[in-house]
């Protein structure tokens, strides 16, 4: 549903990509988007979070 990253060069694709300035902003964006989209946040542990709908 969405990608939130600190490293824009590591992502591409069909989901909306949000680029955060730091980890704190990344977590805040992921939390807000997961609530709005009613999805789950998954940390890929490479500076990227994804939001998916299970």
C-alpha atoms as a PDB file:
ATOM      1  CA  UNK A   1       0.000   0.000   0.000  1.00  0.00           C
ATOM      2  CA  UNK A   2       2.890   2.388   0.765  1.00  0.00           C
ATOM      3  CA  UNK A   3       6.654   2.532   1.266  1.00  0.00           C
ATOM      4  CA  UNK A   4       8.412   4.821   3.756  1.00  0.00           C
ATOM      5  CA  UNK A   5      12.154   5.005   3.315  1.00  0.00           C
ATOM      6  CA  UNK A   6      15.299   6.802   4.350  1.00  0.00           C
ATOM      7  CA  UNK A   7      17.055   5.610   1.161  1.00  0.00           C
ATOM      8  CA  UNK A   8      15.071   6.560  -1.950  1.00  0.00           C
ATOM      9  CA  UNK A   9      17.609   4.884  -4.257  1.00  0.00           C
ATOM     10  CA  UNK A  10      16.687   1.495  -2.743  1.00  0.00           C
ATOM     11  CA  UNK A  11      12.998   1.563  -3.716  1.00  0.00           C
ATOM     12  CA  UNK A  12      10.952   1.644  -6.889  1.00  0.00           C
ATOM     13  CA  UNK A  13       7.601   0.338  -7.894  1.00  0.00           C
ATOM     14  CA  UNK A  14       3.874   0.756  -7.943  1.00  0.00           C
ATOM     15  CA  UNK A  15       3.202   1.771  -4.333  1.00  0.00           C
ATOM     16  CA  UNK A  16       3.412   5.401  -3.177  1.00  0.00           C
ATOM     17  CA  UNK A  17       6.894   6.127  -1.800  1.00  0.00           C
ATOM     18  CA  UNK A  18       7.390   8.515   1.113  1.00  0.00           C
ATOM     19  CA  UNK A  19      10.920   9.723   1.824  1.00  0.00           C
ATOM     20  CA  UNK A  20      11.648  10.566   5.458  1.00  0.00           C
ATOM     21  CA  UNK A  21      14.466  12.819   6.686  1.00  0.00           C
ATOM     22  CA  UNK A  22      15.257  10.686   9.741  1.00  0.00           C
ATOM     23  CA  UNK A  23      14.095   7.606  11.662  1.00  0.00           C
ATOM     24  CA  UNK A  24      11.764   9.564  13.943  1.00  0.00           C
ATOM     25  CA  UNK A  25       9.934  11.097  10.995  1.00  0.00           C
ATOM     26  CA  UNK A  26       9.860   7.712   9.259  1.00  0.00           C
ATOM     27  CA  UNK A  27       8.155   6.071  12.238  1.00  0.00           C
ATOM     28  CA  UNK A  28       5.643   8.914  12.544  1.00  0.00           C
ATOM     29  CA  UNK A  29       4.728   8.745   8.833  1.00  0.00           C
ATOM     30  CA  UNK A  30       4.387   4.954   8.998  1.00  0.00           C
ATOM     31  CA  UNK A  31       2.116   5.142  12.044  1.00  0.00           C
ATOM     32  CA  UNK A  32      -0.159   7.789  10.543  1.00  0.00           C
ATOM     33  CA  UNK A  33      -0.391   6.040   7.165  1.00  0.00           C
ATOM     34  CA  UNK A  34      -1.102   2.663   8.760  1.00  0.00           C
ATOM     35  CA  UNK A  35      -4.026   4.174  10.678  1.00  0.00           C
ATOM     36  CA  UNK A  36      -5.421   5.982   7.645  1.00  0.00           C
ATOM     37  CA  UNK A  37      -4.998   2.988   5.319  1.00  0.00           C
ATOM     38  CA  UNK A  38      -5.960   0.428   7.991  1.00  0.00           C
ATOM     39  CA  UNK A  39      -2.839  -1.564   7.171  1.00  0.00           C
ATOM     40  CA  UNK A  40       0.082  -3.170   8.980  1.00  0.00           C
ATOM     41  CA  UNK A  41       3.597  -1.721   9.114  1.00  0.00           C
ATOM     42  CA  UNK A  42       6.552  -4.016   8.450  1.00  0.00           C
ATOM     43  CA  UNK A  43      10.170  -2.948   8.997  1.00  0.00           C
ATOM     44  CA  UNK A  44      12.435  -4.386   6.301  1.00  0.00           C
ATOM     45  CA  UNK A  45      15.447  -3.444   8.475  1.00  0.00           C
ATOM     46  CA  UNK A  46      17.237  -1.689   5.625  1.00  0.00           C
ATOM     47  CA  UNK A  47      15.905   1.812   6.233  1.00  0.00           C
ATOM     48  CA  UNK A  48      12.548   0.954   4.682  1.00  0.00           C
ATOM     49  CA  UNK A  49       9.082   0.321   6.099  1.00  0.00           C
ATOM     50  CA  UNK A  50       6.197  -1.035   4.041  1.00  0.00           C
ATOM     51  CA  UNK A  51       2.499  -0.854   4.794  1.00  0.00           C
ATOM     52  CA  UNK A  52       0.434  -3.820   3.649  1.00  0.00           C
ATOM     53  CA  UNK A  53      -3.145  -4.963   4.008  1.00  0.00           C
ATOM     54  CA  UNK A  54      -3.452  -8.568   5.255  1.00  0.00           C
END
